[in-house]
Amino acid sequence: MRLADPCLEPSSVAMPAVSSLSDVAVTDVSPEEVRSMMLYLRKARDRAILIRERSPAGSYLESVLSRTIDGIALELSHLEYLLALKPASEAASTKTARRMRPTI
């Protein structure tokens, strides 16, 4: 499984709106590493939920935590989707050349 990380220059203040594919660094990760990332994100989400429950209703902290929790939930769903996908080489090898059932 490969994850893409955009390369950011620490000295640049303004980034172009459109980045090319050459600006993206690719990181190889195993399914076990993705599962550990998901575990970390779930713990962070649960902690943010606990903090939000103790914050005053309608406060800025509550709104920030709500957006954070929604973002973490979105990232978790993306990672779950990536884990469900088969690698491209494995998916190509499982397809057979025969498209129709053999005749009798």
PDB file of N, CA and C in Angstrom:
ATOM      1  N   MET A   1       0.851  -1.158   0.000  1.00  0.00           N
ATOM      2  CA  MET A   1       0.000   0.000   0.000  1.00  0.00           C
ATOM      3  C   MET A   1       0.899   1.223   0.000  1.00  0.00           C
ATOM      4  N   ARG A   2       0.496   2.242  -0.717  1.00  0.00           N
ATOM      5  CA  ARG A   2       1.321   3.438  -0.825  1.00  0.00           C
ATOM      6  C   ARG A   2       0.500   4.643  -0.418  1.00  0.00           C
ATOM      7  N   LEU A   3       1.085   5.479   0.402  1.00  0.00           N
ATOM      8  CA  LEU A   3       0.468   6.736   0.797  1.00  0.00           C
ATOM      9  C   LEU A   3       1.275   7.874   0.212  1.00  0.00           C
ATOM     10  N   ALA A   4       0.600   8.930  -0.200  1.00  0.00           N
ATOM     11  CA  ALA A   4       1.277  10.081  -0.792  1.00  0.00           C
ATOM     12  C   ALA A   4       1.337  11.212   0.209  1.00  0.00           C
ATOM     13  N   ASP A   5       2.512  11.831   0.306  1.00  0.00           N
ATOM     14  CA  ASP A   5       2.716  12.991   1.170  1.00  0.00           C
ATOM     15  C   ASP A   5       3.178  14.153   0.308  1.00  0.00           C
ATOM     16  N   PRO A   6       2.437  15.275   0.301  1.00  0.00           N
ATOM     17  CA  PRO A   6       2.923  16.418  -0.473  1.00  0.00           C
ATOM     18  C   PRO A   6       4.183  16.986   0.164  1.00  0.00           C
ATOM     19  N   CYS A   7       5.182  17.253  -0.648  1.00  0.00           N
ATOM     20  CA  CYS A   7       6.431  17.837  -0.149  1.00  0.00           C
ATOM     21  C   CYS A   7       6.234  19.334   0.015  1.00  0.00           C
ATOM     22  N   LEU A   8       6.484  19.832   1.186  1.00  0.00           N
ATOM     23  CA  LEU A   8       6.343  21.254   1.462  1.00  0.00           C
ATOM     24  C   LEU A   8       7.710  21.849   1.729  1.00  0.00           C
ATOM     25  N   GLU A   9       7.984  22.963   1.096  1.00  0.00           N
ATOM     26  CA  GLU A   9       9.236  23.658   1.351  1.00  0.00           C
ATOM     27  C   GLU A   9       9.064  24.493   2.606  1.00  0.00           C
ATOM     28  N   PRO A  10       9.939  24.357   3.596  1.00  0.00           N
ATOM     29  CA  PRO A  10       9.763  25.109   4.841  1.00  0.00           C
ATOM     30  C   PRO A  10       9.907  26.609   4.666  1.00  0.00           C
ATOM     31  N   SER A  11      10.630  27.059   3.629  1.00  0.00           N
ATOM     32  CA  SER A  11      10.852  28.493   3.470  1.00  0.00           C
ATOM     33  C   SER A  11       9.774  29.173   2.640  1.00  0.00           C
ATOM     34  N   SER A  12       8.952  28.411   1.950  1.00  0.00           N
ATOM     35  CA  SER A  12       7.953  29.039   1.084  1.00  0.00           C
ATOM     36  C   SER A  12       6.737  29.467   1.897  1.00  0.00           C
ATOM     37  N   VAL A  13       6.246  30.648   1.599  1.00  0.00           N
ATOM     38  CA  VAL A  13       5.079  31.179   2.300  1.00  0.00           C
ATOM     39  C   VAL A  13       3.818  30.863   1.535  1.00  0.00           C
ATOM     40  N   ALA A  14       3.839  31.064   0.238  1.00  0.00           N
ATOM     41  CA  ALA A  14       2.665  30.804  -0.596  1.00  0.00           C
ATOM     42  C   ALA A  14       2.922  29.569  -1.441  1.00  0.00           C
ATOM     43  N   MET A  15       1.969  28.663  -1.434  1.00  0.00           N
ATOM     44  CA  MET A  15       2.074  27.454  -2.232  1.00  0.00           C
ATOM     45  C   MET A  15       1.201  27.611  -3.464  1.00  0.00           C
ATOM     46  N   PRO A  16       1.608  27.083  -4.610  1.00  0.00           N
ATOM     47  CA  PRO A  16       0.745  27.155  -5.788  1.00  0.00           C
ATOM     48  C   PRO A  16      -0.515  26.331  -5.564  1.00  0.00           C
ATOM     49  N   ALA A  17      -1.598  26.750  -6.191  1.00  0.00           N
ATOM     50  CA  ALA A  17      -2.882  26.072  -6.012  1.00  0.00           C
ATOM     51  C   ALA A  17      -2.856  24.665  -6.592  1.00  0.00           C
ATOM     52  N   VAL A  18      -2.154  24.472  -7.686  1.00  0.00           N
ATOM     53  CA  VAL A  18      -2.089  23.167  -8.329  1.00  0.00           C
ATOM     54  C   VAL A  18      -0.670  22.643  -8.200  1.00  0.00           C
ATOM     55  N   SER A  19      -0.527  21.470  -7.628  1.00  0.00           N
ATOM     56  CA  SER A  19       0.801  20.871  -7.511  1.00  0.00           C
ATOM     57  C   SER A  19       0.923  19.748  -8.529  1.00  0.00           C
ATOM     58  N   SER A  20       2.103  19.548  -9.025  1.00  0.00           N
ATOM     59  CA  SER A  20       2.319  18.484  -9.995  1.00  0.00           C
ATOM     60  C   SER A  20       2.580  17.180  -9.264  1.00  0.00           C
ATOM     61  N   LEU A  21       2.528  16.089 -10.007  1.00  0.00           N
ATOM     62  CA  LEU A  21       2.757  14.781  -9.406  1.00  0.00           C
ATOM     63  C   LEU A  21       4.186  14.621  -8.923  1.00  0.00           C
ATOM     64  N   SER A  22       5.115  15.387  -9.477  1.00  0.00           N
ATOM     65  CA  SER A  22       6.502  15.270  -9.046  1.00  0.00           C
ATOM     66  C   SER A  22       6.715  15.859  -7.658  1.00  0.00           C
ATOM     67  N   ASP A  23       5.762  16.663  -7.160  1.00  0.00           N
ATOM     68  CA  ASP A  23       5.873  17.263  -5.835  1.00  0.00           C
ATOM     69  C   ASP A  23       5.361  16.344  -4.729  1.00  0.00           C
ATOM     70  N   VAL A  24       4.917  15.145  -5.079  1.00  0.00           N
ATOM     71  CA  VAL A  24       4.318  14.248  -4.101  1.00  0.00           C
ATOM     72  C   VAL A  24       5.289  13.114  -3.790  1.00  0.00           C
ATOM     73  N   ALA A  25       5.615  12.966  -2.511  1.00  0.00           N
ATOM     74  CA  ALA A  25       6.469  11.861  -2.080  1.00  0.00           C
ATOM     75  C   ALA A  25       5.581  10.666  -1.744  1.00  0.00           C
ATOM     76  N   VAL A  26       6.005   9.497  -2.124  1.00  0.00           N
ATOM     77  CA  VAL A  26       5.224   8.286  -1.900  1.00  0.00           C
ATOM     78  C   VAL A  26       5.877   7.480  -0.788  1.00  0.00           C
ATOM     79  N   THR A  27       5.060   7.006   0.145  1.00  0.00           N
ATOM     80  CA  THR A  27       5.535   6.214   1.266  1.00  0.00           C
ATOM     81  C   THR A  27       4.896   4.835   1.207  1.00  0.00           C
ATOM     82  N   ASP A  28       5.710   3.794   1.233  1.00  0.00           N
ATOM     83  CA  ASP A  28       5.180   2.432   1.270  1.00  0.00           C
ATOM     84  C   ASP A  28       4.865   2.058   2.709  1.00  0.00           C
ATOM     85  N   VAL A  29       3.654   1.578   2.932  1.00  0.00           N
ATOM     86  CA  VAL A  29       3.243   1.141   4.265  1.00  0.00           C
ATOM     87  C   VAL A  29       2.570  -0.217   4.146  1.00  0.00           C
ATOM     88  N   SER A  30       2.667  -0.987   5.201  1.00  0.00           N
ATOM     89  CA  SER A  30       2.027  -2.295   5.226  1.00  0.00           C
ATOM     90  C   SER A  30       0.630  -2.163   5.823  1.00  0.00           C
ATOM     91  N   PRO A  31      -0.226  -3.147   5.595  1.00  0.00           N
ATOM     92  CA  PRO A  31      -1.560  -3.103   6.213  1.00  0.00           C
ATOM     93  C   PRO A  31      -1.500  -3.028   7.743  1.00  0.00           C
ATOM     94  N   GLU A  32      -0.483  -3.644   8.337  1.00  0.00           N
ATOM     95  CA  GLU A  32      -0.347  -3.574   9.799  1.00  0.00           C
ATOM     96  C   GLU A  32      -0.050  -2.149  10.252  1.00  0.00           C
ATOM     97  N   GLU A  33       0.767  -1.437   9.485  1.00  0.00           N
ATOM     98  CA  GLU A  33       1.056  -0.039   9.828  1.00  0.00           C
ATOM     99  C   GLU A  33      -0.190   0.827   9.686  1.00  0.00           C
ATOM    100  N   VAL A  34      -1.006   0.542   8.682  1.00  0.00           N
ATOM    101  CA  VAL A  34      -2.260   1.287   8.518  1.00  0.00           C
ATOM    102  C   VAL A  34      -3.186   1.005   9.696  1.00  0.00           C
ATOM    103  N   ARG A  35      -3.232  -0.241  10.129  1.00  0.00           N
ATOM    104  CA  ARG A  35      -4.078  -0.580  11.289  1.00  0.00           C
ATOM    105  C   ARG A  35      -3.599   0.138  12.551  1.00  0.00           C
ATOM    106  N   SER A  36      -2.281   0.266  12.722  1.00  0.00           N
ATOM    107  CA  SER A  36      -1.780   0.982  13.898  1.00  0.00           C
ATOM    108  C   SER A  36      -2.089   2.474  13.794  1.00  0.00           C
ATOM    109  N   MET A  37      -2.053   3.028  12.569  1.00  0.00           N
ATOM    110  CA  MET A  37      -2.467   4.429  12.380  1.00  0.00           C
ATOM    111  C   MET A  37      -3.935   4.603  12.742  1.00  0.00           C
ATOM    112  N   MET A  38      -4.743   3.633  12.346  1.00  0.00           N
ATOM    113  CA  MET A  38      -6.177   3.708  12.638  1.00  0.00           C
ATOM    114  C   MET A  38      -6.426   3.623  14.139  1.00  0.00           C
ATOM    115  N   LEU A  39      -5.658   2.782  14.831  1.00  0.00           N
ATOM    116  CA  LEU A  39      -5.791   2.679  16.282  1.00  0.00           C
ATOM    117  C   LEU A  39      -5.457   4.008  16.943  1.00  0.00           C
ATOM    118  N   TYR A  40      -4.373   4.636  16.492  1.00  0.00           N
ATOM    119  CA  TYR A  40      -3.985   5.941  17.027  1.00  0.00           C
ATOM    120  C   TYR A  40      -5.076   6.981  16.766  1.00  0.00           C
ATOM    121  N   LEU A  41      -5.618   6.995  15.547  1.00  0.00           N
ATOM    122  CA  LEU A  41      -6.666   7.965  15.217  1.00  0.00           C
ATOM    123  C   LEU A  41      -7.934   7.728  16.031  1.00  0.00           C
ATOM    124  N   ARG A  42      -8.283   6.468  16.261  1.00  0.00           N
ATOM    125  CA  ARG A  42      -9.472   6.181  17.085  1.00  0.00           C
ATOM    126  C   ARG A  42      -9.278   6.677  18.519  1.00  0.00           C
ATOM    127  N   LYS A  43      -8.080   6.461  19.063  1.00  0.00           N
ATOM    128  CA  LYS A  43      -7.809   6.942  20.423  1.00  0.00           C
ATOM    129  C   LYS A  43      -7.845   8.462  20.479  1.00  0.00           C
ATOM    130  N   ALA A  44      -7.291   9.124  19.464  1.00  0.00           N
ATOM    131  CA  ALA A  44      -7.319  10.591  19.415  1.00  0.00           C
ATOM    132  C   ALA A  44      -8.749  11.099  19.285  1.00  0.00           C
ATOM    133  N   ARG A  45      -9.555  10.422  18.462  1.00  0.00           N
ATOM    134  CA  ARG A  45     -10.963  10.816  18.311  1.00  0.00           C
ATOM    135  C   ARG A  45     -11.725  10.644  19.620  1.00  0.00           C
ATOM    136  N   ASP A  46     -11.510   9.521  20.300  1.00  0.00           N
ATOM    137  CA  ASP A  46     -12.196   9.286  21.575  1.00  0.00           C
ATOM    138  C   ASP A  46     -11.794  10.321  22.617  1.00  0.00           C
ATOM    139  N   ARG A  47     -10.521  10.675  22.630  1.00  0.00           N
ATOM    140  CA  ARG A  47     -10.060  11.702  23.581  1.00  0.00           C
ATOM    141  C   ARG A  47     -10.672  13.059  23.251  1.00  0.00           C
ATOM    142  N   ALA A  48     -10.760  13.395  21.976  1.00  0.00           N
ATOM    143  CA  ALA A  48     -11.379  14.661  21.572  1.00  0.00           C
ATOM    144  C   ALA A  48     -12.859  14.680  21.934  1.00  0.00           C
ATOM    145  N   ILE A  49     -13.527  13.551  21.827  1.00  0.00           N
ATOM    146  CA  ILE A  49     -14.945  13.477  22.205  1.00  0.00           C
ATOM    147  C   ILE A  49     -15.105  13.726  23.696  1.00  0.00           C
ATOM    148  N   LEU A  50     -14.223  13.126  24.509  1.00  0.00           N
ATOM    149  CA  LEU A  50     -14.295  13.340  25.961  1.00  0.00           C
ATOM    150  C   LEU A  50     -14.060  14.802  26.324  1.00  0.00           C
ATOM    151  N   ILE A  51     -13.093  15.423  25.675  1.00  0.00           N
ATOM    152  CA  ILE A  51     -12.808  16.836  25.956  1.00  0.00           C
ATOM    153  C   ILE A  51     -13.975  17.704  25.512  1.00  0.00           C
ATOM    154  N   ARG A  52     -14.561  17.389  24.359  1.00  0.00           N
ATOM    155  CA  ARG A  52     -15.698  18.176  23.867  1.00  0.00           C
ATOM    156  C   ARG A  52     -16.894  18.077  24.808  1.00  0.00           C
ATOM    157  N   GLU A  53     -17.103  16.896  25.396  1.00  0.00           N
ATOM    158  CA  GLU A  53     -18.218  16.724  26.332  1.00  0.00           C
ATOM    159  C   GLU A  53     -18.057  17.594  27.571  1.00  0.00           C
ATOM    160  N   ARG A  54     -16.805  17.881  27.957  1.00  0.00           N
ATOM    161  CA  ARG A  54     -16.561  18.711  29.145  1.00  0.00           C
ATOM    162  C   ARG A  54     -16.454  20.193  28.829  1.00  0.00           C
ATOM    163  N   SER A  55     -16.466  20.556  27.546  1.00  0.00           N
ATOM    164  CA  SER A  55     -16.339  21.973  27.180  1.00  0.00           C
ATOM    165  C   SER A  55     -17.704  22.654  27.231  1.00  0.00           C
ATOM    166  N   PRO A  56     -17.718  23.973  27.451  1.00  0.00           N
ATOM    167  CA  PRO A  56     -18.991  24.701  27.492  1.00  0.00           C
ATOM    168  C   PRO A  56     -19.702  24.642  26.136  1.00  0.00           C
ATOM    169  N   ALA A  57     -21.012  24.497  26.181  1.00  0.00           N
ATOM    170  CA  ALA A  57     -21.802  24.425  24.947  1.00  0.00           C
ATOM    171  C   ALA A  57     -21.699  25.740  24.186  1.00  0.00           C
ATOM    172  N   GLY A  58     -21.518  25.651  22.885  1.00  0.00           N
ATOM    173  CA  GLY A  58     -21.440  26.833  22.041  1.00  0.00           C
ATOM    174  C   GLY A  58     -20.102  27.540  22.064  1.00  0.00           C
ATOM    175  N   SER A  59     -19.120  26.981  22.748  1.00  0.00           N
ATOM    176  CA  SER A  59     -17.813  27.637  22.835  1.00  0.00           C
ATOM    177  C   SER A  59     -16.996  27.378  21.571  1.00  0.00           C
ATOM    178  N   TYR A  60     -15.957  28.170  21.415  1.00  0.00           N
ATOM    179  CA  TYR A  60     -15.048  28.008  20.283  1.00  0.00           C
ATOM    180  C   TYR A  60     -14.365  26.647  20.357  1.00  0.00           C
ATOM    181  N   LEU A  61     -13.997  26.225  21.563  1.00  0.00           N
ATOM    182  CA  LEU A  61     -13.350  24.927  21.751  1.00  0.00           C
ATOM    183  C   LEU A  61     -14.252  23.802  21.256  1.00  0.00           C
ATOM    184  N   GLU A  62     -15.524  23.887  21.570  1.00  0.00           N
ATOM    185  CA  GLU A  62     -16.457  22.846  21.133  1.00  0.00           C
ATOM    186  C   GLU A  62     -16.537  22.784  19.609  1.00  0.00           C
ATOM    187  N   SER A  63     -16.574  23.945  18.961  1.00  0.00           N
ATOM    188  CA  SER A  63     -16.671  23.947  17.497  1.00  0.00           C
ATOM    189  C   SER A  63     -15.389  23.409  16.855  1.00  0.00           C
ATOM    190  N   VAL A  64     -14.237  23.761  17.424  1.00  0.00           N
ATOM    191  CA  VAL A  64     -12.967  23.249  16.888  1.00  0.00           C
ATOM    192  C   VAL A  64     -12.889  21.740  17.068  1.00  0.00           C
ATOM    193  N   LEU A  65     -13.277  21.259  18.234  1.00  0.00           N
ATOM    194  CA  LEU A  65     -13.229  19.817  18.480  1.00  0.00           C
ATOM    195  C   LEU A  65     -14.217  19.066  17.595  1.00  0.00           C
ATOM    196  N   SER A  66     -15.368  19.655  17.331  1.00  0.00           N
ATOM    197  CA  SER A  66     -16.342  19.008  16.442  1.00  0.00           C
ATOM    198  C   SER A  66     -15.772  18.848  15.038  1.00  0.00           C
ATOM    199  N   ARG A  67     -15.124  19.890  14.533  1.00  0.00           N
ATOM    200  CA  ARG A  67     -14.502  19.799  13.208  1.00  0.00           C
ATOM    201  C   ARG A  67     -13.352  18.793  13.214  1.00  0.00           C
ATOM    202  N   THR A  68     -12.593  18.767  14.302  1.00  0.00           N
ATOM    203  CA  THR A  68     -11.487  17.813  14.411  1.00  0.00           C
ATOM    204  C   THR A  68     -12.004  16.383  14.418  1.00  0.00           C
ATOM    205  N   ILE A  69     -13.051  16.138  15.181  1.00  0.00           N
ATOM    206  CA  ILE A  69     -13.636  14.795  15.260  1.00  0.00           C
ATOM    207  C   ILE A  69     -14.171  14.369  13.898  1.00  0.00           C
ATOM    208  N   ASP A  70     -14.819  15.293  13.185  1.00  0.00           N
ATOM    209  CA  ASP A  70     -15.323  14.979  11.846  1.00  0.00           C
ATOM    210  C   ASP A  70     -14.178  14.662  10.889  1.00  0.00           C
ATOM    211  N   GLY A  71     -13.084  15.409  10.978  1.00  0.00           N
ATOM    212  CA  GLY A  71     -11.926  15.157  10.123  1.00  0.00           C
ATOM    213  C   GLY A  71     -11.279  13.815  10.413  1.00  0.00           C
ATOM    214  N   ILE A  72     -11.178  13.473  11.689  1.00  0.00           N
ATOM    215  CA  ILE A  72     -10.600  12.174  12.056  1.00  0.00           C
ATOM    216  C   ILE A  72     -11.493  11.045  11.561  1.00  0.00           C
ATOM    217  N   ALA A  73     -12.809  11.210  11.683  1.00  0.00           N
ATOM    218  CA  ALA A  73     -13.738  10.184  11.198  1.00  0.00           C
ATOM    219  C   ALA A  73     -13.597   9.995   9.687  1.00  0.00           C
ATOM    220  N   LEU A  74     -13.398  11.087   8.968  1.00  0.00           N
ATOM    221  CA  LEU A  74     -13.202  11.004   7.519  1.00  0.00           C
ATOM    222  C   LEU A  74     -11.903  10.266   7.192  1.00  0.00           C
ATOM    223  N   GLU A  75     -10.831  10.584   7.899  1.00  0.00           N
ATOM    224  CA  GLU A  75      -9.556   9.895   7.672  1.00  0.00           C
ATOM    225  C   GLU A  75      -9.675   8.404   7.979  1.00  0.00           C
ATOM    226  N   LEU A  76     -10.388   8.066   9.045  1.00  0.00           N
ATOM    227  CA  LEU A  76     -10.587   6.654   9.383  1.00  0.00           C
ATOM    228  C   LEU A  76     -11.346   5.927   8.277  1.00  0.00           C
ATOM    229  N   SER A  77     -12.361   6.574   7.724  1.00  0.00           N
ATOM    230  CA  SER A  77     -13.117   5.922   6.651  1.00  0.00           C
ATOM    231  C   SER A  77     -12.249   5.740   5.405  1.00  0.00           C
ATOM    232  N   HIS A  78     -11.362   6.707   5.119  1.00  0.00           N
ATOM    233  CA  HIS A  78     -10.448   6.557   3.981  1.00  0.00           C
ATOM    234  C   HIS A  78      -9.496   5.386   4.205  1.00  0.00           C
ATOM    235  N   LEU A  79      -8.962   5.276   5.410  1.00  0.00           N
ATOM    236  CA  LEU A  79      -8.030   4.178   5.691  1.00  0.00           C
ATOM    237  C   LEU A  79      -8.734   2.827   5.654  1.00  0.00           C
ATOM    238  N   GLU A  80      -9.977   2.766   6.145  1.00  0.00           N
ATOM    239  CA  GLU A  80     -10.734   1.512   6.068  1.00  0.00           C
ATOM    240  C   GLU A  80     -10.973   1.120   4.616  1.00  0.00           C
ATOM    241  N   TYR A  81     -11.246   2.106   3.769  1.00  0.00           N
ATOM    242  CA  TYR A  81     -11.440   1.841   2.344  1.00  0.00           C
ATOM    243  C   TYR A  81     -10.145   1.315   1.723  1.00  0.00           C
ATOM    244  N   LEU A  82      -9.013   1.930   2.067  1.00  0.00           N
ATOM    245  CA  LEU A  82      -7.738   1.478   1.520  1.00  0.00           C
ATOM    246  C   LEU A  82      -7.412   0.053   1.954  1.00  0.00           C
ATOM    247  N   LEU A  83      -7.752  -0.295   3.177  1.00  0.00           N
ATOM    248  CA  LEU A  83      -7.489  -1.658   3.641  1.00  0.00           C
ATOM    249  C   LEU A  83      -8.368  -2.674   2.921  1.00  0.00           C
ATOM    250  N   ALA A  84      -9.551  -2.261   2.508  1.00  0.00           N
ATOM    251  CA  ALA A  84     -10.471  -3.183   1.843  1.00  0.00           C
ATOM    252  C   ALA A  84     -10.062  -3.457   0.400  1.00  0.00           C
ATOM    253  N   LEU A  85      -9.306  -2.543  -0.216  1.00  0.00           N
ATOM    254  CA  LEU A  85      -8.885  -2.720  -1.606  1.00  0.00           C
ATOM    255  C   LEU A  85      -7.782  -3.762  -1.710  1.00  0.00           C
ATOM    256  N   LYS A  86      -7.839  -4.529  -2.786  1.00  0.00           N
ATOM    257  CA  LYS A  86      -6.765  -5.478  -3.058  1.00  0.00           C
ATOM    258  C   LYS A  86      -5.653  -4.746  -3.796  1.00  0.00           C
ATOM    259  N   PRO A  87      -4.410  -5.142  -3.608  1.00  0.00           N
ATOM    260  CA  PRO A  87      -3.323  -4.535  -4.385  1.00  0.00           C
ATOM    261  C   PRO A  87      -3.543  -4.763  -5.880  1.00  0.00           C
ATOM    262  N   ALA A  88      -3.066  -3.858  -6.702  1.00  0.00           N
ATOM    263  CA  ALA A  88      -3.305  -3.923  -8.146  1.00  0.00           C
ATOM    264  C   ALA A  88      -2.744  -5.205  -8.756  1.00  0.00           C
ATOM    265  N   SER A  89      -1.570  -5.625  -8.341  1.00  0.00           N
ATOM    266  CA  SER A  89      -0.971  -6.833  -8.908  1.00  0.00           C
ATOM    267  C   SER A  89      -1.778  -8.069  -8.526  1.00  0.00           C
ATOM    268  N   GLU A  90      -2.307  -8.100  -7.309  1.00  0.00           N
ATOM    269  CA  GLU A  90      -3.104  -9.236  -6.866  1.00  0.00           C
ATOM    270  C   GLU A  90      -4.446  -9.271  -7.584  1.00  0.00           C
ATOM    271  N   ALA A  91      -5.067  -8.116  -7.777  1.00  0.00           N
ATOM    272  CA  ALA A  91      -6.358  -8.053  -8.451  1.00  0.00           C
ATOM    273  C   ALA A  91      -6.226  -8.468  -9.914  1.00  0.00           C
ATOM    274  N   ALA A  92      -5.130  -8.095 -10.559  1.00  0.00           N
ATOM    275  CA  ALA A  92      -4.927  -8.449 -11.964  1.00  0.00           C
ATOM    276  C   ALA A  92      -4.670  -9.942 -12.120  1.00  0.00           C
ATOM    277  N   SER A  93      -3.990 -10.551 -11.166  1.00  0.00           N
ATOM    278  CA  SER A  93      -3.670 -11.970 -11.286  1.00  0.00           C
ATOM    279  C   SER A  93      -4.873 -12.857 -10.994  1.00  0.00           C
ATOM    280  N   THR A  94      -5.867 -12.371 -10.260  1.00  0.00           N
ATOM    281  CA  THR A  94      -7.029 -13.200  -9.943  1.00  0.00           C
ATOM    282  C   THR A  94      -8.034 -13.244 -11.082  1.00  0.00           C
ATOM    283  N   LYS A  95      -7.986 -12.286 -12.006  1.00  0.00           N
ATOM    284  CA  LYS A  95      -8.892 -12.308 -13.152  1.00  0.00           C
ATOM    285  C   LYS A  95      -8.444 -13.406 -14.107  1.00  0.00           C
ATOM    286  N   THR A  96      -9.404 -14.121 -14.616  1.00  0.00           N
ATOM    287  CA  THR A  96      -9.075 -15.148 -15.594  1.00  0.00           C
ATOM    288  C   THR A  96      -9.255 -14.573 -16.985  1.00  0.00           C
ATOM    289  N   ALA A  97      -8.579 -15.180 -17.928  1.00  0.00           N
ATOM    290  CA  ALA A  97      -8.673 -14.715 -19.311  1.00  0.00           C
ATOM    291  C   ALA A  97     -10.030 -15.079 -19.907  1.00  0.00           C
ATOM    292  N   ARG A  98     -10.674 -16.109 -19.386  1.00  0.00           N
ATOM    293  CA  ARG A  98     -11.951 -16.568 -19.908  1.00  0.00           C
ATOM    294  C   ARG A  98     -13.065 -15.690 -19.363  1.00  0.00           C
ATOM    295  N   ARG A  99     -13.881 -15.148 -20.240  1.00  0.00           N
ATOM    296  CA  ARG A  99     -14.963 -14.261 -19.823  1.00  0.00           C
ATOM    297  C   ARG A  99     -16.298 -14.982 -19.786  1.00  0.00           C
ATOM    298  N   MET A 100     -16.407 -16.074 -20.549  1.00  0.00           N
ATOM    299  CA  MET A 100     -17.690 -16.770 -20.619  1.00  0.00           C
ATOM    300  C   MET A 100     -17.529 -18.196 -20.113  1.00  0.00           C
ATOM    301  N   ARG A 101     -18.625 -18.779 -19.733  1.00  0.00           N
ATOM    302  CA  ARG A 101     -18.632 -20.163 -19.280  1.00  0.00           C
ATOM    303  C   ARG A 101     -18.364 -21.068 -20.481  1.00  0.00           C
ATOM    304  N   PRO A 102     -17.592 -22.129 -20.296  1.00  0.00           N
ATOM    305  CA  PRO A 102     -17.315 -23.019 -21.425  1.00  0.00           C
ATOM    306  C   PRO A 102     -18.594 -23.714 -21.911  1.00  0.00           C
ATOM    307  N   THR A 103     -18.647 -24.004 -23.193  1.00  0.00           N
ATOM    308  CA  THR A 103     -19.819 -24.678 -23.761  1.00  0.00           C
ATOM    309  C   THR A 103     -19.806 -26.145 -23.402  1.00  0.00           C
ATOM    310  N   ILE A 104     -20.960 -26.748 -23.471  1.00  0.00           N
ATOM    311  CA  ILE A 104     -21.079 -28.171 -23.124  1.00  0.00           C
ATOM    312  C   ILE A 104     -20.759 -29.028 -24.314  1.00  0.00           C
TER     313      ILE A 104
END
